[in-house]
Amino acid sequence: MTYDYVCKACEEEFVFEHSIKRKPRKKCPSCKKMKLLRLISVSTSVILKGDCWEKDGYASKEATKA
């Protein structure tokens, strides 16, 4: 998984790739202070399925006409 971090001390931003099981990083690679904060991001891949949705997420032609 990819995680975004920001340092509360120097305000540098970082992206790290690590396991979801790993505890969040704390030490800033730039200023070396223990002020690193993992940010919450909403990046996901969603595939809508059903009568009105196709694989790419757009409404089907029949649903569009109605």
PDB file of N, CA and C in Angstrom:
ATOM      1  N   MET A   1       0.840  -1.175   0.000  1.00  0.00           N
ATOM      2  CA  MET A   1       0.000   0.000   0.000  1.00  0.00           C
ATOM      3  C   MET A   1       0.892   1.247   0.000  1.00  0.00           C
ATOM      4  N   THR A   2       0.364   2.310  -0.533  1.00  0.00           N
ATOM      5  CA  THR A   2       1.073   3.580  -0.582  1.00  0.00           C
ATOM      6  C   THR A   2       0.438   4.530   0.418  1.00  0.00           C
ATOM      7  N   TYR A   3       1.281   5.177   1.229  1.00  0.00           N
ATOM      8  CA  TYR A   3       0.793   6.082   2.267  1.00  0.00           C
ATOM      9  C   TYR A   3       1.445   7.452   2.142  1.00  0.00           C
ATOM     10  N   ASP A   4       0.659   8.491   2.358  1.00  0.00           N
ATOM     11  CA  ASP A   4       1.154   9.860   2.368  1.00  0.00           C
ATOM     12  C   ASP A   4       1.436  10.266   3.813  1.00  0.00           C
ATOM     13  N   TYR A   5       2.542  10.982   4.002  1.00  0.00           N
ATOM     14  CA  TYR A   5       2.937  11.459   5.319  1.00  0.00           C
ATOM     15  C   TYR A   5       3.301  12.938   5.223  1.00  0.00           C
ATOM     16  N   VAL A   6       3.205  13.633   6.330  1.00  0.00           N
ATOM     17  CA  VAL A   6       3.680  15.008   6.439  1.00  0.00           C
ATOM     18  C   VAL A   6       4.371  15.152   7.791  1.00  0.00           C
ATOM     19  N   CYS A   7       5.444  15.928   7.813  1.00  0.00           N
ATOM     20  CA  CYS A   7       6.153  16.180   9.060  1.00  0.00           C
ATOM     21  C   CYS A   7       5.577  17.434   9.709  1.00  0.00           C
ATOM     22  N   LYS A   8       5.184  17.327  10.968  1.00  0.00           N
ATOM     23  CA  LYS A   8       4.630  18.477  11.684  1.00  0.00           C
ATOM     24  C   LYS A   8       5.706  19.484  12.068  1.00  0.00           C
ATOM     25  N   ALA A   9       6.966  19.079  12.003  1.00  0.00           N
ATOM     26  CA  ALA A   9       8.062  19.984  12.360  1.00  0.00           C
ATOM     27  C   ALA A   9       8.543  20.795  11.150  1.00  0.00           C
ATOM     28  N   CYS A  10       8.891  20.128  10.065  1.00  0.00           N
ATOM     29  CA  CYS A  10       9.461  20.829   8.905  1.00  0.00           C
ATOM     30  C   CYS A  10       8.471  20.980   7.746  1.00  0.00           C
ATOM     31  N   GLU A  11       7.298  20.382   7.860  1.00  0.00           N
ATOM     32  CA  GLU A  11       6.209  20.454   6.877  1.00  0.00           C
ATOM     33  C   GLU A  11       6.530  19.807   5.525  1.00  0.00           C
ATOM     34  N   GLU A  12       7.560  18.962   5.487  1.00  0.00           N
ATOM     35  CA  GLU A  12       7.866  18.204   4.270  1.00  0.00           C
ATOM     36  C   GLU A  12       6.824  17.105   4.098  1.00  0.00           C
ATOM     37  N   GLU A  13       6.512  16.781   2.848  1.00  0.00           N
ATOM     38  CA  GLU A  13       5.562  15.713   2.556  1.00  0.00           C
ATOM     39  C   GLU A  13       6.294  14.547   1.909  1.00  0.00           C
ATOM     40  N   PHE A  14       5.856  13.321   2.234  1.00  0.00           N
ATOM     41  CA  PHE A  14       6.504  12.113   1.746  1.00  0.00           C
ATOM     42  C   PHE A  14       5.463  11.090   1.353  1.00  0.00           C
ATOM     43  N   VAL A  15       5.874  10.157   0.482  1.00  0.00           N
ATOM     44  CA  VAL A  15       5.058   9.015   0.110  1.00  0.00           C
ATOM     45  C   VAL A  15       5.899   7.778   0.364  1.00  0.00           C
ATOM     46  N   PHE A  16       5.352   6.844   1.141  1.00  0.00           N
ATOM     47  CA  PHE A  16       6.043   5.594   1.445  1.00  0.00           C
ATOM     48  C   PHE A  16       5.158   4.428   1.047  1.00  0.00           C
ATOM     49  N   GLU A  17       5.791   3.354   0.625  1.00  0.00           N
ATOM     50  CA  GLU A  17       5.076   2.135   0.310  1.00  0.00           C
ATOM     51  C   GLU A  17       5.454   1.088   1.351  1.00  0.00           C
ATOM     52  N   HIS A  18       4.440   0.573   2.048  1.00  0.00           N
ATOM     53  CA  HIS A  18       4.683  -0.484   3.030  1.00  0.00           C
ATOM     54  C   HIS A  18       3.407  -1.251   3.305  1.00  0.00           C
ATOM     55  N   SER A  19       3.543  -2.340   4.035  1.00  0.00           N
ATOM     56  CA  SER A  19       2.426  -3.215   4.354  1.00  0.00           C
ATOM     57  C   SER A  19       1.403  -2.496   5.237  1.00  0.00           C
ATOM     58  N   ILE A  20       0.159  -2.881   5.086  1.00  0.00           N
ATOM     59  CA  ILE A  20      -0.907  -2.318   5.921  1.00  0.00           C
ATOM     60  C   ILE A  20      -0.720  -2.738   7.384  1.00  0.00           C
ATOM     61  N   LYS A  21      -0.001  -3.838   7.604  1.00  0.00           N
ATOM     62  CA  LYS A  21       0.237  -4.343   8.956  1.00  0.00           C
ATOM     63  C   LYS A  21       1.327  -3.560   9.687  1.00  0.00           C
ATOM     64  N   ARG A  22       2.153  -2.844   8.944  1.00  0.00           N
ATOM     65  CA  ARG A  22       3.255  -2.084   9.545  1.00  0.00           C
ATOM     66  C   ARG A  22       2.716  -0.858  10.275  1.00  0.00           C
ATOM     67  N   LYS A  23       3.281  -0.579  11.426  1.00  0.00           N
ATOM     68  CA  LYS A  23       2.899   0.623  12.169  1.00  0.00           C
ATOM     69  C   LYS A  23       3.333   1.860  11.388  1.00  0.00           C
ATOM     70  N   PRO A  24       2.593   2.966  11.508  1.00  0.00           N
ATOM     71  CA  PRO A  24       2.969   4.188  10.787  1.00  0.00           C
ATOM     72  C   PRO A  24       4.367   4.669  11.169  1.00  0.00           C
ATOM     73  N   ARG A  25       5.057   5.246  10.197  1.00  0.00           N
ATOM     74  CA  ARG A  25       6.391   5.804  10.455  1.00  0.00           C
ATOM     75  C   ARG A  25       6.256   7.008  11.362  1.00  0.00           C
ATOM     76  N   LYS A  26       7.270   7.266  12.153  1.00  0.00           N
ATOM     77  CA  LYS A  26       7.255   8.401  13.080  1.00  0.00           C
ATOM     78  C   LYS A  26       8.401   9.375  12.824  1.00  0.00           C
ATOM     79  N   LYS A  27       9.553   8.854  12.361  1.00  0.00           N
ATOM     80  CA  LYS A  27      10.741   9.682  12.201  1.00  0.00           C
ATOM     81  C   LYS A  27      10.810  10.289  10.798  1.00  0.00           C
ATOM     82  N   CYS A  28      10.914  11.604  10.739  1.00  0.00           N
ATOM     83  CA  CYS A  28      10.995  12.325   9.476  1.00  0.00           C
ATOM     84  C   CYS A  28      12.353  12.078   8.825  1.00  0.00           C
ATOM     85  N   PRO A  29      12.373  11.646   7.558  1.00  0.00           N
ATOM     86  CA  PRO A  29      13.655  11.424   6.886  1.00  0.00           C
ATOM     87  C   PRO A  29      14.404  12.721   6.573  1.00  0.00           C
ATOM     88  N   SER A  30      13.720  13.849   6.617  1.00  0.00           N
ATOM     89  CA  SER A  30      14.341  15.134   6.304  1.00  0.00           C
ATOM     90  C   SER A  30      14.978  15.783   7.538  1.00  0.00           C
ATOM     91  N   CYS A  31      14.170  16.034   8.573  1.00  0.00           N
ATOM     92  CA  CYS A  31      14.679  16.736   9.754  1.00  0.00           C
ATOM     93  C   CYS A  31      15.030  15.797  10.912  1.00  0.00           C
ATOM     94  N   LYS A  32      14.710  14.505  10.764  1.00  0.00           N
ATOM     95  CA  LYS A  32      15.023  13.451  11.744  1.00  0.00           C
ATOM     96  C   LYS A  32      14.238  13.564  13.053  1.00  0.00           C
ATOM     97  N   LYS A  33      13.229  14.431  13.114  1.00  0.00           N
ATOM     98  CA  LYS A  33      12.403  14.545  14.322  1.00  0.00           C
ATOM     99  C   LYS A  33      11.282  13.510  14.269  1.00  0.00           C
ATOM    100  N   MET A  34      10.777  13.154  15.431  1.00  0.00           N
ATOM    101  CA  MET A  34       9.710  12.157  15.546  1.00  0.00           C
ATOM    102  C   MET A  34       8.342  12.828  15.406  1.00  0.00           C
ATOM    103  N   LYS A  35       8.141  13.546  14.305  1.00  0.00           N
ATOM    104  CA  LYS A  35       6.929  14.333  14.108  1.00  0.00           C
ATOM    105  C   LYS A  35       6.190  13.960  12.820  1.00  0.00           C
ATOM    106  N   LEU A  36       6.464  12.774  12.283  1.00  0.00           N
ATOM    107  CA  LEU A  36       5.841  12.358  11.038  1.00  0.00           C
ATOM    108  C   LEU A  36       4.406  11.904  11.305  1.00  0.00           C
ATOM    109  N   LEU A  37       3.492  12.334  10.453  1.00  0.00           N
ATOM    110  CA  LEU A  37       2.074  12.028  10.604  1.00  0.00           C
ATOM    111  C   LEU A  37       1.561  11.404   9.319  1.00  0.00           C
ATOM    112  N   ARG A  38       0.930  10.228   9.445  1.00  0.00           N
ATOM    113  CA  ARG A  38       0.359   9.580   8.262  1.00  0.00           C
ATOM    114  C   ARG A  38      -0.983  10.229   7.951  1.00  0.00           C
ATOM    115  N   LEU A  39      -1.160  10.605   6.692  1.00  0.00           N
ATOM    116  CA  LEU A  39      -2.383  11.270   6.275  1.00  0.00           C
ATOM    117  C   LEU A  39      -3.415  10.251   5.808  1.00  0.00           C
ATOM    118  N   ILE A  40      -4.666  10.608   5.920  1.00  0.00           N
ATOM    119  CA  ILE A  40      -5.747   9.765   5.433  1.00  0.00           C
ATOM    120  C   ILE A  40      -6.048  10.195   4.010  1.00  0.00           C
ATOM    121  N   SER A  41      -5.975   9.259   3.098  1.00  0.00           N
ATOM    122  CA  SER A  41      -6.297   9.573   1.707  1.00  0.00           C
ATOM    123  C   SER A  41      -7.431   8.676   1.237  1.00  0.00           C
ATOM    124  N   VAL A  42      -8.180   9.182   0.298  1.00  0.00           N
ATOM    125  CA  VAL A  42      -9.333   8.452  -0.206  1.00  0.00           C
ATOM    126  C   VAL A  42      -9.096   8.121  -1.670  1.00  0.00           C
ATOM    127  N   SER A  43      -8.159   7.262  -1.892  1.00  0.00           N
ATOM    128  CA  SER A  43      -7.831   6.834  -3.243  1.00  0.00           C
ATOM    129  C   SER A  43      -8.212   5.370  -3.375  1.00  0.00           C
ATOM    130  N   THR A  44      -9.176   5.099  -4.219  1.00  0.00           N
ATOM    131  CA  THR A  44      -9.643   3.729  -4.353  1.00  0.00           C
ATOM    132  C   THR A  44     -10.112   3.476  -5.776  1.00  0.00           C
ATOM    133  N   SER A  45     -10.211   2.222  -6.123  1.00  0.00           N
ATOM    134  CA  SER A  45     -10.767   1.823  -7.409  1.00  0.00           C
ATOM    135  C   SER A  45     -12.115   1.180  -7.150  1.00  0.00           C
ATOM    136  N   VAL A  46     -13.141   1.749  -7.726  1.00  0.00           N
ATOM    137  CA  VAL A  46     -14.488   1.239  -7.523  1.00  0.00           C
ATOM    138  C   VAL A  46     -15.045   0.800  -8.863  1.00  0.00           C
ATOM    139  N   ILE A  47     -15.585  -0.393  -8.887  1.00  0.00           N
ATOM    140  CA  ILE A  47     -16.251  -0.889 -10.078  1.00  0.00           C
ATOM    141  C   ILE A  47     -17.708  -1.116  -9.712  1.00  0.00           C
ATOM    142  N   LEU A  48     -18.591  -0.397 -10.373  1.00  0.00           N
ATOM    143  CA  LEU A  48     -20.024  -0.530 -10.115  1.00  0.00           C
ATOM    144  C   LEU A  48     -20.579  -1.606 -11.028  1.00  0.00           C
ATOM    145  N   LYS A  49     -21.329  -2.524 -10.443  1.00  0.00           N
ATOM    146  CA  LYS A  49     -21.905  -3.618 -11.217  1.00  0.00           C
ATOM    147  C   LYS A  49     -23.406  -3.660 -10.960  1.00  0.00           C
ATOM    148  N   GLY A  50     -24.121  -4.214 -11.897  1.00  0.00           N
ATOM    149  CA  GLY A  50     -25.563  -4.348 -11.740  1.00  0.00           C
ATOM    150  C   GLY A  50     -26.269  -4.075 -13.049  1.00  0.00           C
ATOM    151  N   ASP A  51     -27.581  -3.942 -12.980  1.00  0.00           N
ATOM    152  CA  ASP A  51     -28.398  -3.759 -14.182  1.00  0.00           C
ATOM    153  C   ASP A  51     -28.099  -2.457 -14.918  1.00  0.00           C
ATOM    154  N   CYS A  52     -27.747  -1.417 -14.201  1.00  0.00           N
ATOM    155  CA  CYS A  52     -27.605  -0.099 -14.818  1.00  0.00           C
ATOM    156  C   CYS A  52     -26.156   0.342 -15.011  1.00  0.00           C
ATOM    157  N   TRP A  53     -25.192  -0.478 -14.675  1.00  0.00           N
ATOM    158  CA  TRP A  53     -23.797  -0.052 -14.752  1.00  0.00           C
ATOM    159  C   TRP A  53     -22.983  -1.021 -15.570  1.00  0.00           C
ATOM    160  N   GLU A  54     -22.101  -0.485 -16.337  1.00  0.00           N
ATOM    161  CA  GLU A  54     -21.160  -1.305 -17.077  1.00  0.00           C
ATOM    162  C   GLU A  54     -19.844  -1.338 -16.324  1.00  0.00           C
ATOM    163  N   LYS A  55     -18.910  -2.095 -16.834  1.00  0.00           N
ATOM    164  CA  LYS A  55     -17.617  -2.268 -16.167  1.00  0.00           C
ATOM    165  C   LYS A  55     -16.907  -0.948 -15.910  1.00  0.00           C
ATOM    166  N   ASP A  56     -17.057   0.045 -16.806  1.00  0.00           N
ATOM    167  CA  ASP A  56     -16.347   1.313 -16.643  1.00  0.00           C
ATOM    168  C   ASP A  56     -17.115   2.330 -15.802  1.00  0.00           C
ATOM    169  N   GLY A  57     -18.271   1.952 -15.260  1.00  0.00           N
ATOM    170  CA  GLY A  57     -18.990   2.836 -14.345  1.00  0.00           C
ATOM    171  C   GLY A  57     -20.015   3.742 -14.989  1.00  0.00           C
ATOM    172  N   TYR A  58     -20.213   3.665 -16.302  1.00  0.00           N
ATOM    173  CA  TYR A  58     -21.209   4.502 -16.963  1.00  0.00           C
ATOM    174  C   TYR A  58     -22.529   3.764 -17.063  1.00  0.00           C
ATOM    175  N   ALA A  59     -23.589   4.507 -17.081  1.00  0.00           N
ATOM    176  CA  ALA A  59     -24.918   3.901 -17.202  1.00  0.00           C
ATOM    177  C   ALA A  59     -25.044   3.215 -18.559  1.00  0.00           C
ATOM    178  N   SER A  60     -25.814   2.139 -18.596  1.00  0.00           N
ATOM    179  CA  SER A  60     -26.015   1.438 -19.862  1.00  0.00           C
ATOM    180  C   SER A  60     -26.901   2.261 -20.776  1.00  0.00           C
ATOM    181  N   LYS A  61     -26.937   1.920 -22.041  1.00  0.00           N
ATOM    182  CA  LYS A  61     -27.718   2.669 -23.028  1.00  0.00           C
ATOM    183  C   LYS A  61     -29.200   2.651 -22.689  1.00  0.00           C
ATOM    184  N   GLU A  62     -29.716   1.513 -22.203  1.00  0.00           N
ATOM    185  CA  GLU A  62     -31.133   1.398 -21.853  1.00  0.00           C
ATOM    186  C   GLU A  62     -31.475   2.317 -20.677  1.00  0.00           C
ATOM    187  N   ALA A  63     -30.615   2.381 -19.679  1.00  0.00           N
ATOM    188  CA  ALA A  63     -30.863   3.237 -18.518  1.00  0.00           C
ATOM    189  C   ALA A  63     -30.805   4.712 -18.885  1.00  0.00           C
ATOM    190  N   THR A  64     -29.956   5.057 -19.847  1.00  0.00           N
ATOM    191  CA  THR A  64     -29.811   6.436 -20.285  1.00  0.00           C
ATOM    192  C   THR A  64     -31.066   6.924 -20.997  1.00  0.00           C
ATOM    193  N   LYS A  65     -31.712   6.033 -21.800  1.00  0.00           N
ATOM    194  CA  LYS A  65     -32.925   6.386 -22.535  1.00  0.00           C
ATOM    195  C   LYS A  65     -34.098   6.649 -21.603  1.00  0.00           C
ATOM    196  N   ALA A  66     -34.152   5.942 -20.500  1.00  0.00           N
ATOM    197  CA  ALA A  66     -35.288   6.057 -19.556  1.00  0.00           C
ATOM    198  C   ALA A  66     -35.202   7.284 -18.752  1.00  0.00           C
TER     199      ALA A  66
END
